[in-house]
Amino acid sequence: MAWNSISSTVIPAVKAQIAVYPAYNFTVTGHSLGAAIAALATASMRAEGLDFLTYTMGEFRTGNPAWVSYIDSLQAPGRYFRITHTNDGVPQTLDHAMGYYHHATEFWELEPFGANNTQDCPGDDNAECNNSVPGIGLLGDNGVDGINAAHLCK
């Protein structure tokens, strides 16, 4: 709903700016709910033929397997970066039992933070990355909600 309420204004404005500045590149980005909105914006703008990078941080699962396949089909490798933090619970809050899945590809930031501690997690909902941390998510074993200190970047 949030993206739909502004898309008819944003898409023509982006196209107008590209017409004026054809050498410029643009990026779609968002954190948490903004990341989910960025996923919707990416789908909508790619359908309009726009080419750009997308970076999301702390994106929760946004759809069912058909949605995941659709998002994956729209993005060329190296054009969409879904970044998660070591123990951020939000990416796990909407789970498979509820019918939700992550699209590709996750980049998992491990502690201590740095270029050498980022793991490339190919594929959809990679179980070797954020999903591998036990006890985080909506109803984690340790009682941690999805919105925890890691999600808030504290």
C-alpha atoms as a PDB file:
ATOM      1  CA  MET A   1       0.000   0.000   0.000  1.00  0.00           C
ATOM      2  CA  ALA A   2       2.785   2.449   0.887  1.00  0.00           C
ATOM      3  CA  TRP A   3       4.589   1.992  -2.437  1.00  0.00           C
ATOM      4  CA  ASN A   4       1.342   2.003  -4.414  1.00  0.00           C
ATOM      5  CA  SER A   5       0.396   5.346  -2.883  1.00  0.00           C
ATOM      6  CA  ILE A   6       3.508   7.066  -4.269  1.00  0.00           C
ATOM      7  CA  SER A   7       4.551   4.991  -7.295  1.00  0.00           C
ATOM      8  CA  SER A   8       2.521   7.042  -9.791  1.00  0.00           C
ATOM      9  CA  THR A   9       4.523  10.102  -8.704  1.00  0.00           C
ATOM     10  CA  VAL A  10       7.937   8.511  -8.174  1.00  0.00           C
ATOM     11  CA  ILE A  11       8.264   6.562 -11.428  1.00  0.00           C
ATOM     12  CA  PRO A  12       7.581   9.534 -13.763  1.00  0.00           C
ATOM     13  CA  ALA A  13       9.902  11.719 -11.644  1.00  0.00           C
ATOM     14  CA  VAL A  14      12.715   9.161 -11.901  1.00  0.00           C
ATOM     15  CA  LYS A  15      12.177   8.800 -15.653  1.00  0.00           C
ATOM     16  CA  ALA A  16      12.246  12.591 -16.043  1.00  0.00           C
ATOM     17  CA  GLN A  17      15.526  12.858 -14.145  1.00  0.00           C
ATOM     18  CA  ILE A  18      17.067  10.046 -16.205  1.00  0.00           C
ATOM     19  CA  ALA A  19      16.054  11.911 -19.373  1.00  0.00           C
ATOM     20  CA  VAL A  20      17.819  15.046 -18.107  1.00  0.00           C
ATOM     21  CA  TYR A  21      20.848  13.219 -16.662  1.00  0.00           C
ATOM     22  CA  PRO A  22      21.252  10.027 -18.742  1.00  0.00           C
ATOM     23  CA  ALA A  23      24.761   9.331 -17.427  1.00  0.00           C
ATOM     24  CA  TYR A  24      23.600   9.260 -13.808  1.00  0.00           C
ATOM     25  CA  ASN A  25      22.770   6.076 -11.947  1.00  0.00           C
ATOM     26  CA  PHE A  26      20.245   5.758  -9.161  1.00  0.00           C
ATOM     27  CA  THR A  27      19.814   3.405  -6.232  1.00  0.00           C
ATOM     28  CA  VAL A  28      16.768   2.170  -4.355  1.00  0.00           C
ATOM     29  CA  THR A  29      17.378   1.515  -0.673  1.00  0.00           C
ATOM     30  CA  GLY A  30      15.525   0.898   2.562  1.00  0.00           C
ATOM     31  CA  HIS A  31      15.770  -0.473   6.101  1.00  0.00           C
ATOM     32  CA  SER A  32      13.223  -2.732   7.814  1.00  0.00           C
ATOM     33  CA  LEU A  33       9.749  -1.770   6.532  1.00  0.00           C
ATOM     34  CA  GLY A  34      11.519   0.571   4.106  1.00  0.00           C
ATOM     35  CA  ALA A  35      13.406  -2.469   2.790  1.00  0.00           C
ATOM     36  CA  ALA A  36      10.148  -4.274   2.051  1.00  0.00           C
ATOM     37  CA  ILE A  37       8.895  -1.138   0.288  1.00  0.00           C
ATOM     38  CA  ALA A  38      12.176  -1.034  -1.671  1.00  0.00           C
ATOM     39  CA  ALA A  39      11.501  -4.612  -2.836  1.00  0.00           C
ATOM     40  CA  LEU A  40       8.068  -3.550  -4.110  1.00  0.00           C
ATOM     41  CA  ALA A  41       9.559  -0.450  -5.728  1.00  0.00           C
ATOM     42  CA  THR A  42      12.227  -2.577  -7.390  1.00  0.00           C
ATOM     43  CA  ALA A  43       9.615  -4.875  -8.923  1.00  0.00           C
ATOM     44  CA  SER A  44       7.495  -1.965 -10.115  1.00  0.00           C
ATOM     45  CA  MET A  45      10.348   0.118 -11.538  1.00  0.00           C
ATOM     46  CA  ARG A  46      12.031  -2.839 -13.249  1.00  0.00           C
ATOM     47  CA  ALA A  47       8.689  -3.598 -14.915  1.00  0.00           C
ATOM     48  CA  GLU A  48       8.886  -0.019 -16.253  1.00  0.00           C
ATOM     49  CA  GLY A  49      12.282  -0.823 -17.799  1.00  0.00           C
ATOM     50  CA  LEU A  50      14.383   1.123 -15.298  1.00  0.00           C
ATOM     51  CA  ASP A  51      17.848  -0.177 -14.407  1.00  0.00           C
ATOM     52  CA  PHE A  52      19.358   0.544 -10.996  1.00  0.00           C
ATOM     53  CA  LEU A  53      20.881  -0.985  -7.888  1.00  0.00           C
ATOM     54  CA  THR A  54      18.862  -1.976  -4.819  1.00  0.00           C
ATOM     55  CA  TYR A  55      20.276  -2.189  -1.294  1.00  0.00           C
ATOM     56  CA  THR A  56      18.103  -3.283   1.597  1.00  0.00           C
ATOM     57  CA  MET A  57      19.053  -3.699   5.240  1.00  0.00           C
ATOM     58  CA  GLY A  58      17.068  -5.806   7.697  1.00  0.00           C
ATOM     59  CA  GLU A  59      14.455  -6.737   5.087  1.00  0.00           C
ATOM     60  CA  PHE A  60      11.838  -9.149   6.370  1.00  0.00           C
ATOM     61  CA  ARG A  61      10.423 -11.847   4.134  1.00  0.00           C
ATOM     62  CA  THR A  62       8.042 -10.153   1.704  1.00  0.00           C
ATOM     63  CA  GLY A  63       6.176 -12.888  -0.115  1.00  0.00           C
ATOM     64  CA  ASN A  64       5.419 -16.454  -1.064  1.00  0.00           C
ATOM     65  CA  PRO A  65       7.586 -18.672  -3.337  1.00  0.00           C
ATOM     66  CA  ALA A  66       5.942 -17.227  -6.483  1.00  0.00           C
ATOM     67  CA  TRP A  67       6.857 -13.689  -5.322  1.00  0.00           C
ATOM     68  CA  VAL A  68      10.420 -14.797  -4.570  1.00  0.00           C
ATOM     69  CA  SER A  69      10.741 -16.306  -8.044  1.00  0.00           C
ATOM     70  CA  TYR A  70       9.373 -13.123  -9.613  1.00  0.00           C
ATOM     71  CA  ILE A  71      11.776 -10.840  -7.724  1.00  0.00           C
ATOM     72  CA  ASP A  72      14.691 -13.152  -8.562  1.00  0.00           C
ATOM     73  CA  SER A  73      13.730 -13.069 -12.256  1.00  0.00           C
ATOM     74  CA  LEU A  74      13.791  -9.245 -12.311  1.00  0.00           C
ATOM     75  CA  GLN A  75      17.249  -8.734 -10.885  1.00  0.00           C
ATOM     76  CA  ALA A  76      20.458  -9.462 -12.712  1.00  0.00           C
ATOM     77  CA  PRO A  77      23.224 -10.833 -10.502  1.00  0.00           C
ATOM     78  CA  GLY A  78      24.953  -8.040  -8.637  1.00  0.00           C
ATOM     79  CA  ARG A  79      22.013  -5.608  -8.864  1.00  0.00           C
ATOM     80  CA  TYR A  80      20.133  -6.359  -5.600  1.00  0.00           C
ATOM     81  CA  PHE A  81      21.866  -6.570  -2.231  1.00  0.00           C
ATOM     82  CA  ARG A  82      19.810  -7.788   0.754  1.00  0.00           C
ATOM     83  CA  ILE A  83      22.001  -7.104   3.795  1.00  0.00           C
ATOM     84  CA  THR A  84      21.414  -8.675   7.204  1.00  0.00           C
ATOM     85  CA  HIS A  85      23.165  -8.325  10.558  1.00  0.00           C
ATOM     86  CA  THR A  86      24.543 -11.258  12.561  1.00  0.00           C
ATOM     87  CA  ASN A  87      21.632 -11.575  14.965  1.00  0.00           C
ATOM     88  CA  ASP A  88      18.973  -9.251  13.571  1.00  0.00           C
ATOM     89  CA  GLY A  89      15.608 -10.869  14.225  1.00  0.00           C
ATOM     90  CA  VAL A  90      13.524  -8.876  11.741  1.00  0.00           C
ATOM     91  CA  PRO A  91      14.604 -10.846   8.639  1.00  0.00           C
ATOM     92  CA  GLN A  92      13.150 -13.925  10.356  1.00  0.00           C
ATOM     93  CA  THR A  93       9.902 -12.470  11.735  1.00  0.00           C
ATOM     94  CA  LEU A  94       7.604 -13.662   8.942  1.00  0.00           C
ATOM     95  CA  ASP A  95       8.507 -17.323   8.626  1.00  0.00           C
ATOM     96  CA  HIS A  96       7.955 -20.200   6.221  1.00  0.00           C
ATOM     97  CA  ALA A  97       5.066 -21.550   8.326  1.00  0.00           C
ATOM     98  CA  MET A  98       3.277 -18.272   7.557  1.00  0.00           C
ATOM     99  CA  GLY A  99       4.059 -18.706   3.837  1.00  0.00           C
ATOM    100  CA  TYR A 100       6.808 -16.084   3.576  1.00  0.00           C
ATOM    101  CA  TYR A 101      10.242 -16.490   1.964  1.00  0.00           C
ATOM    102  CA  HIS A 102      13.338 -14.389   1.208  1.00  0.00           C
ATOM    103  CA  HIS A 103      14.507 -13.733  -2.311  1.00  0.00           C
ATOM    104  CA  ALA A 104      18.158 -13.886  -3.338  1.00  0.00           C
ATOM    105  CA  THR A 105      20.844 -12.833  -2.436  1.00  0.00           C
ATOM    106  CA  GLU A 106      21.733 -12.121   1.184  1.00  0.00           C
ATOM    107  CA  PHE A 107      24.932 -10.522   2.392  1.00  0.00           C
ATOM    108  CA  TRP A 108      25.331 -11.396   6.059  1.00  0.00           C
ATOM    109  CA  GLU A 109      27.322  -8.983   8.229  1.00  0.00           C
ATOM    110  CA  LEU A 110      29.161 -10.884  10.947  1.00  0.00           C
ATOM    111  CA  GLU A 111      30.814  -9.435  14.046  1.00  0.00           C
ATOM    112  CA  PRO A 112      33.249  -7.817  14.275  1.00  0.00           C
ATOM    113  CA  PHE A 113      32.095  -5.781  11.310  1.00  0.00           C
ATOM    114  CA  GLY A 114      34.390  -5.291   8.360  1.00  0.00           C
ATOM    115  CA  ALA A 115      34.954  -6.241   4.748  1.00  0.00           C
ATOM    116  CA  ASN A 116      36.481  -9.569   5.748  1.00  0.00           C
ATOM    117  CA  ASN A 117      33.427 -10.486   7.837  1.00  0.00           C
ATOM    118  CA  THR A 118      30.707 -10.271   5.208  1.00  0.00           C
ATOM    119  CA  GLN A 119      29.385 -13.586   3.968  1.00  0.00           C
ATOM    120  CA  ASP A 120      27.843 -13.883   0.502  1.00  0.00           C
ATOM    121  CA  CYS A 121      24.759 -16.099   0.873  1.00  0.00           C
ATOM    122  CA  PRO A 122      23.532 -17.093  -2.589  1.00  0.00           C
ATOM    123  CA  GLY A 123      20.079 -18.382  -3.303  1.00  0.00           C
ATOM    124  CA  ASP A 124      16.766 -17.859  -1.602  1.00  0.00           C
ATOM    125  CA  ASP A 125      16.480 -17.998   2.204  1.00  0.00           C
ATOM    126  CA  ASN A 126      19.971 -19.409   2.676  1.00  0.00           C
ATOM    127  CA  ALA A 127      19.996 -21.502   5.877  1.00  0.00           C
ATOM    128  CA  GLU A 128      23.724 -20.872   6.373  1.00  0.00           C
ATOM    129  CA  CYS A 129      23.313 -17.155   7.071  1.00  0.00           C
ATOM    130  CA  ASN A 130      20.921 -15.058   9.214  1.00  0.00           C
ATOM    131  CA  ASN A 131      18.529 -18.011   9.348  1.00  0.00           C
ATOM    132  CA  SER A 132      21.216 -20.116  11.064  1.00  0.00           C
ATOM    133  CA  VAL A 133      21.166 -18.083  14.296  1.00  0.00           C
ATOM    134  CA  PRO A 134      18.930 -19.945  16.761  1.00  0.00           C
ATOM    135  CA  GLY A 135      16.447 -18.128  18.933  1.00  0.00           C
ATOM    136  CA  ILE A 136      15.853 -15.000  16.867  1.00  0.00           C
ATOM    137  CA  GLY A 137      12.754 -14.112  14.981  1.00  0.00           C
ATOM    138  CA  LEU A 138       9.173 -13.565  15.996  1.00  0.00           C
ATOM    139  CA  LEU A 139       8.964 -16.366  18.565  1.00  0.00           C
ATOM    140  CA  GLY A 140      12.621 -17.234  19.162  1.00  0.00           C
ATOM    141  CA  ASP A 141      13.689 -19.711  21.836  1.00  0.00           C
ATOM    142  CA  ASN A 142      15.254 -16.921  23.861  1.00  0.00           C
ATOM    143  CA  GLY A 143      12.163 -14.719  23.667  1.00  0.00           C
ATOM    144  CA  VAL A 144      13.815 -12.115  21.414  1.00  0.00           C
ATOM    145  CA  ASP A 145      11.415 -10.186  19.223  1.00  0.00           C
ATOM    146  CA  GLY A 146      12.346  -9.375  15.669  1.00  0.00           C
ATOM    147  CA  ILE A 147      13.058  -5.748  16.579  1.00  0.00           C
ATOM    148  CA  ASN A 148      16.112  -6.143  18.756  1.00  0.00           C
ATOM    149  CA  ALA A 149      19.296  -4.125  19.347  1.00  0.00           C
ATOM    150  CA  ALA A 150      20.947  -5.630  16.253  1.00  0.00           C
ATOM    151  CA  HIS A 151      18.071  -4.416  14.084  1.00  0.00           C
ATOM    152  CA  LEU A 152      18.237  -0.949  15.578  1.00  0.00           C
ATOM    153  CA  CYS A 153      21.997  -0.766  14.868  1.00  0.00           C
ATOM    154  CA  LYS A 154      22.840  -0.163  18.545  1.00  0.00           C
END
